[in-house]
């Protein structure tokens, strides 16, 4: 399925299966919708229908060649998708990192669109800068990222052998690599989200003003965090929850920023638990 964003970007939406209440899954910087498949696989037997979008420049959604990376564009993408998929009473949104911020932007732009949100360490930074993510190291690391491998199997072996992605479950690693790389005419596999696009996304992560409007979000929001670390999004997660009018904060000291990929069953359980609390 393809949904046109407000500026004409054709946003690709993947049906991850299941039936029942709709759950829209929103991915992190450098990831893609299929990275949510392991979480969706746990939710489907519990009576949920999961779909996931690819943000522009990620996965199968192509960014305009002249687009200057700005997070409001990502907000446009997820808002357009949610407006097409919306059900009576609203839909449930589940987001990781940038994807959590995108869902919150959509909730602000279109009140009533969501029944509830579960956001894992969303990138919504306070103006005082406390707890902000160190942008330069993230962007530098992204630009150094290896973008091609001889095969999908070689990419999996590489990522599984070293930080930070070695914490992924085998299912999460398979979903990320097989969804996030494409087979080239040279016989090698290549990242769909280029290192430069990922780096520019990190550099632009404070370009949106979502923090200033958190009190305007009109649906329940569960903010989930791994162990708080000074240079990670986890450090500001509690503060985000405190700004929201209807929130619950959950912290897990055995998780890091990649909790949805290292513990997909736990994230699915939290989604089901959140939905069970809704009227």
Foldseek 3Di string as FASTA:
>chain_A
DWFQFPVGWTKDKAWLDAAAAEEEEFEAQLFAFLLLNVLVVLQRVVGYTYMYIGFDLFFPTDDPPPDQDALVSSLRRVLRVLVVVADVQAGEYEYAACRQVSVLSSLLVDPRRHQEYEYELYLAADPVRFLHADLPVQLVVLLVDDFKDLELVRVLVVQCPDPDNVLFDPVSSSSGSVRQWDQDPVNMIGGSNHSNNSSSNSVNSHVDNSQVCQQVRDHEYEYEYEAADRNGSRVCRVVSQVSYPHYHYYYHPVDHSPCCRNPSNVVSVVVVVVVVPGD
